[in-house]
Every structure is written in C-alpha cells, then in structure tokens.
C-alpha cells in the first residue's frame, strides 16, 4: 500500500515570498484589534455627523417650478372695449412637467369661470376665455389666470384689465 504525504510547499519562489516576514502571532493580532477597533468606530461615527459636499441636481422632472402663463390677446395690460358682444382673452399655460389645471379669476362683471383640467395633462394648454361685456358699461373687469403642474407647483399669474365703455 502506498501513502501519499504532502509536506510543506516545495516551490522555491513561494518560500522566498514568505522569507523575512515574521510569523503571525495570535496575541499580536488581537492587540492590534483592541487598539484600532475603537479608533475605527470613532472615525465612522464622526463621518456621519459632518457636512457632506453636495452637488445640485439639474432641473428636470420634479423641478419644483410651476407653469408659466401668458395672455396673448389682448396684448396690453389695459384694454378698452365697447359693451356688447363677448370679448375673448386668449393665452396659454406651459410647463415641461405637464399642466394639471388652469385657474381663471374674473373680478368685476358677471362671469364666473370654472378651472380647466386637461385630460391627459399636457405640456402646453391653450385657453380662450369669453368675457361678457353686454350690460357692463362703465365696469372694469380684471382677469387673472394661473396654472398648477402635475406636482402641485403654483405658477406665475398673468392678468389683464378690461375697461368696458
């Protein structure tokens, strides 16, 4: 019967790599752990309390900015119209995240306009708001329009004054 015995490595180069290094001693290793473990834990705790360097994220979805509303017609801030037929206030509300609702506030006159909610939400919503001028001679009507995006951010308000003669 033949017994195979494997002795220490006989490779010359492997033994040369280990030559000159002290043998590891269990006592020496545990002493290192006892010394460096509390220091390592203290360093880890200190890192969590310190301010971190942060970089701003580029605007994109969820930019926190509300829609922009523009009134295209009438062009000027004050407009004088004759009493009689309806006068239209035209414009648009724009938001890259999608416009959820456009709100209209008419002060003076006899108009009450409900909010407009496009389905599905769109990036650009065009509106034409009819303003009744019949029987409103001498009145000043103020129209304010603003939008809210899908994230609930309130946008800029556009306004026009309409003087009925």
N, C-alpha and C. Protein backbone atom coordinates (compact mmCIF):
# COMPACT_ATOMS: atom_id res chain seq x y z
N UNK A 1 0.82 -1.15 0.00
CA UNK A 1 0.00 0.00 0.00
C UNK A 1 0.88 1.24 0.00
N UNK A 2 0.42 2.25 -0.71
CA UNK A 2 1.20 3.48 -0.86
C UNK A 2 0.49 4.61 -0.13
N UNK A 3 1.22 5.32 0.74
CA UNK A 3 0.69 6.51 1.41
C UNK A 3 1.26 7.73 0.73
N UNK A 4 0.34 8.67 0.47
CA UNK A 4 0.79 9.95 -0.07
C UNK A 4 0.84 10.96 1.05
N UNK A 5 1.95 11.58 1.20
CA UNK A 5 2.07 12.61 2.21
C UNK A 5 2.47 13.91 1.54
N UNK A 6 1.76 14.93 1.94
CA UNK A 6 2.09 16.23 1.38
C UNK A 6 2.78 17.04 2.46
N UNK A 7 3.96 17.39 2.23
CA UNK A 7 4.74 18.18 3.16
C UNK A 7 4.58 19.65 2.86
N UNK A 8 5.40 20.49 3.46
CA UNK A 8 5.34 21.91 3.19
C UNK A 8 5.65 22.18 1.72
N UNK A 9 5.21 23.30 1.26
CA UNK A 9 5.38 23.66 -0.14
C UNK A 9 6.85 23.59 -0.52
N UNK A 10 7.08 23.02 -1.66
CA UNK A 10 8.46 22.86 -2.11
C UNK A 10 8.82 23.86 -3.18
N UNK A 11 7.88 24.71 -3.51
CA UNK A 11 8.18 25.69 -4.55
C UNK A 11 9.13 26.75 -3.99
N UNK A 12 10.24 26.92 -4.64
CA UNK A 12 11.29 27.81 -4.19
C UNK A 12 10.78 29.25 -4.07
N UNK A 13 10.02 29.70 -5.08
CA UNK A 13 9.59 31.10 -5.11
C UNK A 13 8.53 31.39 -4.05
N UNK A 14 7.67 30.43 -3.76
CA UNK A 14 6.67 30.66 -2.72
C UNK A 14 7.34 30.78 -1.36
N UNK A 15 8.36 29.98 -1.11
CA UNK A 15 9.06 30.09 0.16
C UNK A 15 9.82 31.39 0.25
N UNK A 16 10.31 31.91 -0.87
CA UNK A 16 11.06 33.16 -0.83
C UNK A 16 10.14 34.37 -0.53
N UNK A 17 8.88 34.26 -0.95
CA UNK A 17 7.95 35.34 -0.66
C UNK A 17 7.70 35.47 0.84
N UNK A 18 7.69 34.35 1.52
CA UNK A 18 7.42 34.35 2.95
C UNK A 18 8.67 34.60 3.79
N UNK A 19 9.82 34.50 3.19
CA UNK A 19 11.06 34.66 3.93
C UNK A 19 11.24 36.10 4.39
N UNK A 20 11.64 36.31 5.58
CA UNK A 20 11.88 37.64 6.11
C UNK A 20 10.66 38.24 6.80
N UNK A 21 9.50 37.62 6.66
CA UNK A 21 8.30 38.11 7.33
C UNK A 21 8.17 37.40 8.66
N UNK A 22 7.83 38.13 9.70
CA UNK A 22 7.66 37.47 10.99
C UNK A 22 6.39 36.62 10.95
N UNK A 23 6.44 35.55 11.70
CA UNK A 23 5.26 34.70 11.78
C UNK A 23 4.17 35.45 12.53
N UNK A 24 2.94 35.19 12.11
CA UNK A 24 1.84 35.89 12.78
C UNK A 24 1.62 35.27 14.14
N UNK A 25 1.47 36.14 15.08
CA UNK A 25 1.28 35.73 16.45
C UNK A 25 -0.14 36.14 16.86
N UNK A 26 -0.93 35.23 17.38
CA UNK A 26 -2.31 35.50 17.76
C UNK A 26 -2.43 36.62 18.75
N UNK A 27 -1.49 36.72 19.67
CA UNK A 27 -1.55 37.77 20.69
C UNK A 27 -1.33 39.14 20.07
N UNK A 28 -0.39 39.19 19.12
CA UNK A 28 -0.08 40.46 18.49
C UNK A 28 -1.27 40.94 17.66
N UNK A 29 -1.94 40.04 16.97
CA UNK A 29 -3.09 40.40 16.13
C UNK A 29 -4.26 40.88 16.99
N UNK A 30 -4.55 40.21 18.08
CA UNK A 30 -5.66 40.64 18.93
C UNK A 30 -5.35 41.98 19.59
N UNK A 31 -4.09 42.26 19.87
CA UNK A 31 -3.72 43.56 20.45
C UNK A 31 -3.97 44.67 19.44
N UNK A 32 -3.70 44.40 18.17
CA UNK A 32 -3.97 45.41 17.13
C UNK A 32 -5.46 45.68 17.03
N UNK A 33 -6.26 44.63 17.07
CA UNK A 33 -7.71 44.79 17.00
C UNK A 33 -8.22 45.61 18.18
N UNK A 34 -7.73 45.34 19.35
CA UNK A 34 -8.16 46.08 20.52
C UNK A 34 -7.79 47.56 20.43
N UNK A 35 -6.71 47.87 19.73
CA UNK A 35 -6.27 49.24 19.59
C UNK A 35 -7.05 49.96 18.49
N UNK A 36 -7.19 49.33 17.33
CA UNK A 36 -7.77 50.01 16.17
C UNK A 36 -9.28 49.93 16.08
N UNK A 37 -9.91 48.98 16.72
CA UNK A 37 -11.36 48.87 16.64
C UNK A 37 -12.05 50.09 17.24
N UNK A 38 -11.69 50.57 18.43
CA UNK A 38 -12.35 51.78 18.95
C UNK A 38 -12.05 53.01 18.09
N UNK A 39 -10.82 53.10 17.56
CA UNK A 39 -10.50 54.24 16.69
C UNK A 39 -11.32 54.20 15.41
N UNK A 40 -11.50 53.02 14.86
CA UNK A 40 -12.29 52.88 13.64
C UNK A 40 -13.75 53.21 13.87
N UNK A 41 -14.29 52.80 15.01
CA UNK A 41 -15.68 53.11 15.32
C UNK A 41 -15.87 54.60 15.56
N UNK A 42 -14.90 55.24 16.21
CA UNK A 42 -14.99 56.69 16.44
C UNK A 42 -14.92 57.44 15.12
N UNK A 43 -14.07 57.00 14.22
CA UNK A 43 -13.97 57.66 12.91
C UNK A 43 -15.25 57.49 12.12
N UNK A 44 -15.85 56.30 12.18
CA UNK A 44 -17.10 56.07 11.46
C UNK A 44 -18.22 56.93 12.02
N UNK A 45 -18.28 57.08 13.32
CA UNK A 45 -19.31 57.92 13.95
C UNK A 45 -19.11 59.38 13.59
N UNK A 46 -17.87 59.83 13.53
CA UNK A 46 -17.59 61.23 13.20
C UNK A 46 -17.97 61.54 11.77
N UNK A 47 -17.82 60.58 10.87
CA UNK A 47 -18.14 60.81 9.46
C UNK A 47 -19.63 61.04 9.26
N UNK A 48 -20.47 60.41 10.05
CA UNK A 48 -21.90 60.56 9.85
C UNK A 48 -22.41 61.91 10.34
N UNK A 49 -21.69 62.61 11.18
CA UNK A 49 -22.15 63.87 11.74
C UNK A 49 -21.65 65.08 10.97
N UNK A 50 -20.74 64.92 10.08
CA UNK A 50 -20.14 66.05 9.42
C UNK A 50 -20.90 66.39 8.14
N UNK A 51 -20.83 67.64 7.72
CA UNK A 51 -21.50 68.06 6.50
C UNK A 51 -20.83 67.41 5.31
N UNK A 52 -21.66 67.09 4.35
CA UNK A 52 -21.16 66.44 3.14
C UNK A 52 -21.18 67.43 1.99
N UNK A 53 -20.29 67.24 1.06
CA UNK A 53 -20.25 68.03 -0.15
C UNK A 53 -21.37 67.54 -1.06
N UNK A 54 -22.27 68.43 -1.46
CA UNK A 54 -23.38 68.04 -2.32
C UNK A 54 -23.33 68.85 -3.60
N UNK A 55 -23.89 68.28 -4.64
CA UNK A 55 -23.95 68.94 -5.93
C UNK A 55 -25.42 69.09 -6.31
N UNK A 56 -25.81 70.24 -6.85
CA UNK A 56 -27.22 70.42 -7.22
C UNK A 56 -27.58 69.51 -8.38
N UNK A 57 -28.81 69.01 -8.34
CA UNK A 57 -29.27 68.19 -9.45
C UNK A 57 -29.83 69.10 -10.53
N UNK A 58 -29.60 68.74 -11.77
CA UNK A 58 -30.10 69.59 -12.84
C UNK A 58 -31.63 69.54 -12.87
N UNK A 59 -32.26 70.65 -13.30
CA UNK A 59 -33.72 70.63 -13.36
C UNK A 59 -34.20 69.59 -14.35
N UNK A 60 -35.26 69.03 -14.05
CA UNK A 60 -35.86 68.01 -14.90
C UNK A 60 -37.20 67.68 -14.32
N UNK A 61 -37.63 66.46 -14.48
CA UNK A 61 -38.89 66.11 -13.86
C UNK A 61 -38.82 66.38 -12.36
N UNK A 62 -39.81 67.08 -11.88
CA UNK A 62 -39.80 67.42 -10.46
C UNK A 62 -38.93 68.61 -10.17
N UNK A 63 -38.93 69.61 -11.08
CA UNK A 63 -38.04 70.75 -10.90
C UNK A 63 -38.53 71.74 -9.85
N UNK A 64 -39.75 71.60 -9.36
CA UNK A 64 -40.26 72.48 -8.32
C UNK A 64 -40.70 73.84 -8.80
N UNK A 65 -40.74 74.04 -10.10
CA UNK A 65 -41.15 75.33 -10.68
C UNK A 65 -42.51 75.15 -11.33
N UNK A 66 -43.42 76.05 -11.03
CA UNK A 66 -44.77 75.96 -11.59
C UNK A 66 -44.85 76.42 -13.03
N UNK A 67 -46.01 76.25 -13.65
CA UNK A 67 -46.20 76.63 -15.06
C UNK A 67 -46.11 78.13 -15.29
N UNK A 68 -45.80 78.50 -16.50
CA UNK A 68 -45.75 79.89 -16.92
C UNK A 68 -47.02 80.16 -17.73
N UNK A 69 -47.76 81.21 -17.34
CA UNK A 69 -48.99 81.57 -18.04
C UNK A 69 -48.78 82.89 -18.74
N UNK A 70 -49.17 82.93 -20.03
CA UNK A 70 -49.06 84.14 -20.84
C UNK A 70 -50.41 84.43 -21.47
N UNK A 71 -50.81 85.70 -21.45
CA UNK A 71 -52.01 86.12 -22.15
C UNK A 71 -51.56 86.77 -23.45
N UNK A 72 -51.98 86.17 -24.57
CA UNK A 72 -51.56 86.66 -25.88
C UNK A 72 -52.49 87.77 -26.40
N UNK A 73 -53.78 87.67 -26.11
CA UNK A 73 -54.76 88.63 -26.60
C UNK A 73 -55.66 89.01 -25.46
N UNK A 74 -55.78 90.18 -25.05
CA UNK A 74 -55.22 91.42 -25.58
C UNK A 74 -53.74 91.58 -25.20
N UNK A 75 -53.02 92.31 -26.03
CA UNK A 75 -51.58 92.48 -25.84
C UNK A 75 -51.23 93.34 -24.64
N UNK A 76 -51.94 94.43 -24.45
CA UNK A 76 -51.59 95.37 -23.39
C UNK A 76 -52.20 95.00 -22.05
N UNK A 77 -51.66 95.60 -20.99
CA UNK A 77 -52.17 95.34 -19.64
C UNK A 77 -53.57 95.90 -19.47
N UNK A 78 -53.87 97.05 -20.10
CA UNK A 78 -55.20 97.67 -20.04
C UNK A 78 -55.79 97.68 -21.45
N UNK A 79 -57.05 97.27 -21.54
CA UNK A 79 -57.74 97.25 -22.82
C UNK A 79 -59.13 97.85 -22.64
N UNK A 80 -59.51 98.71 -23.57
CA UNK A 80 -60.84 99.30 -23.54
C UNK A 80 -61.67 98.69 -24.66
N UNK A 81 -62.87 98.20 -24.32
CA UNK A 81 -63.74 97.57 -25.31
C UNK A 81 -65.13 98.19 -25.21
N UNK A 82 -65.90 98.06 -26.29
CA UNK A 82 -67.28 98.53 -26.30
C UNK A 82 -68.19 97.46 -25.71
N UNK A 83 -69.23 97.90 -25.02
CA UNK A 83 -70.20 96.96 -24.47
C UNK A 83 -70.95 96.32 -25.63
N UNK A 84 -71.27 95.07 -25.44
CA UNK A 84 -72.00 94.36 -26.49
C UNK A 84 -71.57 92.91 -26.59
N UNK A 85 -70.87 92.57 -27.68
CA UNK A 85 -70.52 91.16 -27.88
C UNK A 85 -69.46 90.70 -26.87
N UNK A 86 -69.33 89.39 -26.77
CA UNK A 86 -68.32 88.84 -25.86
C UNK A 86 -66.93 89.22 -26.33
N UNK A 87 -66.05 89.43 -25.35
CA UNK A 87 -64.65 89.73 -25.64
C UNK A 87 -63.83 88.54 -25.15
N UNK A 88 -62.93 88.04 -25.99
CA UNK A 88 -62.15 86.85 -25.64
C UNK A 88 -60.76 87.22 -25.17
N UNK A 89 -60.36 86.60 -24.07
CA UNK A 89 -59.00 86.69 -23.56
C UNK A 89 -58.35 85.36 -23.91
N UNK A 90 -57.31 85.40 -24.73
CA UNK A 90 -56.64 84.18 -25.23
C UNK A 90 -55.23 84.11 -24.68
N UNK A 91 -54.79 82.89 -24.40
CA UNK A 91 -53.42 82.71 -23.92
C UNK A 91 -53.06 81.25 -23.81
N UNK A 92 -51.99 80.99 -23.07
CA UNK A 92 -51.50 79.62 -22.90
C UNK A 92 -50.76 79.49 -21.58
N UNK A 93 -50.77 78.25 -21.09
CA UNK A 93 -50.04 77.89 -19.88
C UNK A 93 -49.10 76.77 -20.25
N UNK A 94 -47.80 76.92 -19.88
CA UNK A 94 -46.76 75.97 -20.32
C UNK A 94 -45.97 75.47 -19.11
N UNK A 95 -45.74 74.15 -19.08
CA UNK A 95 -44.87 73.54 -18.06
C UNK A 95 -44.33 72.24 -18.62
N UNK A 96 -43.03 72.03 -18.48
CA UNK A 96 -42.39 70.82 -19.01
C UNK A 96 -42.85 69.56 -18.27
N UNK A 97 -43.28 69.70 -17.02
CA UNK A 97 -43.75 68.55 -16.24
C UNK A 97 -45.21 68.23 -16.50
N UNK A 98 -45.90 69.06 -17.25
CA UNK A 98 -47.31 68.85 -17.56
C UNK A 98 -48.19 69.77 -16.73
N UNK A 99 -49.12 70.43 -17.40
CA UNK A 99 -50.05 71.32 -16.73
C UNK A 99 -51.23 70.49 -16.26
N UNK A 100 -51.51 70.55 -14.96
CA UNK A 100 -52.62 69.78 -14.40
C UNK A 100 -53.93 70.55 -14.47
N UNK A 101 -53.91 71.83 -14.05
CA UNK A 101 -55.13 72.63 -14.01
C UNK A 101 -54.79 74.09 -14.32
N UNK A 102 -55.71 74.76 -15.05
CA UNK A 102 -55.60 76.20 -15.30
C UNK A 102 -56.77 76.87 -14.58
N UNK A 103 -56.46 77.86 -13.73
CA UNK A 103 -57.47 78.56 -12.94
C UNK A 103 -57.69 79.96 -13.50
N UNK A 104 -58.98 80.38 -13.53
CA UNK A 104 -59.38 81.68 -14.04
C UNK A 104 -60.11 82.43 -12.93
N UNK A 105 -59.71 83.67 -12.70
CA UNK A 105 -60.37 84.52 -11.72
C UNK A 105 -60.80 85.78 -12.45
N UNK A 106 -62.12 86.02 -12.47
CA UNK A 106 -62.67 87.20 -13.13
C UNK A 106 -63.27 88.08 -12.04
N UNK A 107 -62.70 89.27 -11.88
CA UNK A 107 -63.15 90.22 -10.86
C UNK A 107 -63.89 91.34 -11.57
N UNK A 108 -65.14 91.56 -11.17
CA UNK A 108 -65.99 92.53 -11.85
C UNK A 108 -66.75 91.83 -12.97
N UNK A 109 -67.79 92.46 -13.45
CA UNK A 109 -68.58 91.83 -14.49
C UNK A 109 -69.46 90.73 -13.92
N UNK A 110 -69.96 89.89 -14.79
CA UNK A 110 -70.92 88.87 -14.35
C UNK A 110 -70.43 87.46 -14.66
N UNK A 111 -69.17 87.29 -14.99
CA UNK A 111 -68.65 85.96 -15.37
C UNK A 111 -68.07 85.22 -14.18
N UNK A 112 -68.32 83.92 -14.17
CA UNK A 112 -67.72 83.02 -13.20
C UNK A 112 -67.23 81.81 -13.99
N UNK A 113 -65.92 81.62 -14.04
CA UNK A 113 -65.34 80.59 -14.91
C UNK A 113 -64.73 79.49 -14.06
N UNK A 114 -65.15 78.24 -14.28
CA UNK A 114 -64.55 77.13 -13.51
C UNK A 114 -63.14 76.82 -13.99
N UNK A 115 -62.33 76.15 -13.18
CA UNK A 115 -60.98 75.78 -13.62
C UNK A 115 -61.04 74.77 -14.78
N UNK A 116 -60.00 74.79 -15.59
CA UNK A 116 -59.91 73.86 -16.72
C UNK A 116 -58.85 72.81 -16.39
N UNK A 117 -59.23 71.55 -16.52
CA UNK A 117 -58.33 70.44 -16.21
C UNK A 117 -58.18 69.61 -17.49
N UNK A 118 -57.04 69.75 -18.21
CA UNK A 118 -56.88 68.97 -19.44
C UNK A 118 -56.74 67.48 -19.13
N UNK A 119 -57.28 66.67 -20.01
CA UNK A 119 -57.18 65.23 -19.82
C UNK A 119 -56.67 64.61 -21.11
N UNK A 120 -55.49 64.06 -21.12
CA UNK A 120 -54.49 63.95 -20.07
C UNK A 120 -53.73 65.26 -19.90
N UNK A 121 -52.98 65.40 -18.80
CA UNK A 121 -52.19 66.63 -18.63
C UNK A 121 -51.24 66.83 -19.81
N UNK A 122 -51.14 68.07 -20.25
CA UNK A 122 -50.32 68.39 -21.42
C UNK A 122 -49.24 69.40 -21.02
N UNK A 123 -48.20 69.49 -21.86
CA UNK A 123 -47.13 70.46 -21.62
C UNK A 123 -47.59 71.89 -21.90
N UNK A 124 -48.48 72.05 -22.88
CA UNK A 124 -49.00 73.37 -23.24
C UNK A 124 -50.51 73.30 -23.29
N UNK A 125 -51.17 74.20 -22.60
CA UNK A 125 -52.63 74.28 -22.60
C UNK A 125 -53.01 75.67 -23.11
N UNK A 126 -53.74 75.71 -24.21
CA UNK A 126 -54.23 76.98 -24.76
C UNK A 126 -55.64 77.23 -24.23
N UNK A 127 -55.95 78.50 -23.98
CA UNK A 127 -57.28 78.83 -23.48
C UNK A 127 -57.82 80.05 -24.20
N UNK A 128 -59.15 80.11 -24.29
CA UNK A 128 -59.90 81.25 -24.81
C UNK A 128 -61.03 81.52 -23.83
N UNK A 129 -60.95 82.61 -23.13
CA UNK A 129 -61.88 82.91 -22.05
C UNK A 129 -62.87 83.98 -22.51
N UNK A 130 -64.17 83.62 -22.67
CA UNK A 130 -65.15 84.64 -23.10
C UNK A 130 -65.56 85.53 -21.93
N UNK A 131 -65.47 86.82 -22.13
CA UNK A 131 -65.84 87.80 -21.12
C UNK A 131 -67.09 88.54 -21.62
N UNK A 132 -68.15 88.51 -20.82
CA UNK A 132 -69.39 89.17 -21.19
C UNK A 132 -69.26 90.67 -20.95
N UNK A 133 -69.52 91.45 -22.00
CA UNK A 133 -69.44 92.90 -21.87
C UNK A 133 -70.82 93.54 -21.99
N UNK A 134 -71.82 92.77 -22.40
CA UNK A 134 -73.18 93.30 -22.55
C UNK A 134 -73.72 93.70 -21.19
N UNK A 135 -74.30 94.88 -21.11
CA UNK A 135 -74.86 95.46 -19.88
C UNK A 135 -73.80 95.71 -18.80
N UNK A 136 -72.54 95.87 -19.17
CA UNK A 136 -71.47 96.16 -18.21
C UNK A 136 -70.78 97.49 -18.50
N UNK A 137 -71.52 98.46 -19.07
CA UNK A 137 -70.92 99.74 -19.41
C UNK A 137 -70.37 100.41 -18.15
N UNK A 138 -69.16 100.91 -18.24
CA UNK A 138 -68.53 101.61 -17.14
C UNK A 138 -67.83 100.70 -16.14
N UNK A 139 -67.91 99.40 -16.34
CA UNK A 139 -67.26 98.45 -15.44
C UNK A 139 -65.80 98.23 -15.83
N UNK A 140 -65.01 97.89 -14.84
CA UNK A 140 -63.64 97.45 -15.08
C UNK A 140 -63.56 95.99 -14.66
N UNK A 141 -63.15 95.16 -15.57
CA UNK A 141 -63.07 93.72 -15.33
C UNK A 141 -61.60 93.33 -15.30
N UNK A 142 -61.20 92.65 -14.24
CA UNK A 142 -59.81 92.18 -14.11
C UNK A 142 -59.83 90.66 -14.28
N UNK A 143 -58.99 90.18 -15.18
CA UNK A 143 -58.89 88.74 -15.44
C UNK A 143 -57.51 88.27 -15.00
N UNK A 144 -57.49 87.25 -14.13
CA UNK A 144 -56.22 86.65 -13.69
C UNK A 144 -56.25 85.17 -14.03
N UNK A 145 -55.13 84.68 -14.56
CA UNK A 145 -55.04 83.28 -14.98
C UNK A 145 -53.71 82.72 -14.48
N UNK A 146 -53.76 81.53 -13.89
CA UNK A 146 -52.52 80.84 -13.48
C UNK A 146 -52.73 79.34 -13.61
N UNK A 147 -51.63 78.61 -13.65
CA UNK A 147 -51.69 77.17 -13.78
C UNK A 147 -50.99 76.47 -12.62
N UNK A 148 -51.32 75.18 -12.47
CA UNK A 148 -50.70 74.32 -11.48
C UNK A 148 -50.22 73.07 -12.23
N UNK A 149 -48.97 72.67 -11.99
CA UNK A 149 -48.46 71.48 -12.70
C UNK A 149 -48.86 70.20 -11.98
N UNK A 150 -48.48 69.06 -12.55
CA UNK A 150 -48.88 67.76 -12.01
C UNK A 150 -48.33 67.51 -10.61
N UNK A 151 -47.28 68.23 -10.22
CA UNK A 151 -46.69 68.06 -8.89
C UNK A 151 -47.28 69.01 -7.87
N UNK A 152 -48.21 69.88 -8.30
CA UNK A 152 -48.86 70.80 -7.38
C UNK A 152 -48.17 72.14 -7.26
N UNK A 153 -47.20 72.44 -8.11
CA UNK A 153 -46.49 73.72 -8.05
C UNK A 153 -47.33 74.81 -8.71
N UNK A 154 -47.57 75.89 -7.99
CA UNK A 154 -48.35 77.04 -8.46
C UNK A 154 -47.45 77.88 -9.36
N UNK A 155 -47.96 78.24 -10.54
CA UNK A 155 -47.16 79.01 -11.50
C UNK A 155 -47.40 80.49 -11.41
N UNK A 156 -46.82 81.21 -12.35
CA UNK A 156 -46.97 82.66 -12.41
C UNK A 156 -48.39 83.03 -12.81
N UNK A 157 -48.84 84.20 -12.39
CA UNK A 157 -50.19 84.68 -12.71
C UNK A 157 -50.09 85.76 -13.76
N UNK A 158 -50.89 85.61 -14.80
CA UNK A 158 -50.99 86.64 -15.84
C UNK A 158 -52.32 87.37 -15.64
N UNK A 159 -52.32 88.67 -15.82
CA UNK A 159 -53.56 89.42 -15.62
C UNK A 159 -53.74 90.50 -16.67
N UNK A 160 -55.01 90.83 -16.92
CA UNK A 160 -55.39 91.92 -17.84
C UNK A 160 -56.55 92.69 -17.22
N UNK A 161 -56.58 94.00 -17.48
CA UNK A 161 -57.69 94.85 -17.08
C UNK A 161 -58.47 95.21 -18.32
N UNK A 162 -59.77 94.97 -18.27
CA UNK A 162 -60.64 95.27 -19.41
C UNK A 162 -61.62 96.35 -18.95
N UNK A 163 -61.58 97.48 -19.63
CA UNK A 163 -62.47 98.60 -19.30
C UNK A 163 -63.58 98.59 -20.34
N UNK A 164 -64.82 98.46 -19.88
CA UNK A 164 -65.98 98.41 -20.78
C UNK A 164 -66.59 99.81 -20.85
N UNK A 165 -66.75 100.34 -22.08
CA UNK A 165 -67.36 101.67 -22.23
C UNK A 165 -68.68 101.58 -22.92
